[in-house]
Amino acid sequence: MYRRIVLAYDGSLDGQEALRQATDLACLCDAEVRLLAVVDPSMDFLAAEAASFAIDQEQQSIASVLQSGLAQLRRRGLRAKGEIGFGNPAKEISRFALEFGADLIVVGHREQKSWMRWWNGSVGASVLVHAPCSLLVAVVPNAGHPRSPERCEVESFEKHARKKRSVRSIRHREKDGAA
């Protein structure tokens, strides 16, 4: 199914979920994985006088995060390499996937307020526009989210309880009417 997977990885909670899902999928498909972290040079901190120092520190931090992600993949017996890219994250992810010959890109989903999504944009949505292959957007399970397993269990229980009460109510009315 999937032979070559690109994982856009930043070590965040969302990135960790994307790593978990990509790892599970890669194990099932015996796929080769490339971790890609992207430094966006348009970020405000790069405008500071210490831009080169900030870039060096950012690269060291990202390299450490990539090594951690690669270690997790290799512990599961996967073939994996990491790379740091520079530029617009969505375009860089898509470019890298095309060069690697990926048949799947995996990204994490970061919950943002609507105005922040408007301001920053959505990397996942932008990758979809440029992607040369399929895209998996990994979502962190959250008990408050309508699709989370915990939430579904609660809603299912509540629905079942309402149904039971309504059946009892109908039976009670039938008894009262028959008496």
Foldseek 3Di string as FASTA:
>chain_A
DWAEEEEAADLDPQRVLLLVVVLVVCLVVVHAYEYEYEDECVDPVCVDPCNVVVVVVVVVNRVVSVVVSVVVSVVSVHHYYYDYHYHDLLQRSQVVCVVVVGQEYEYGFDDDDPVVCVVVPGSQVSNVVRHPHYYHYGYDADCVDCPHPNNVVVVVVVVVVVVVVVVVVVVVVVVVVVD
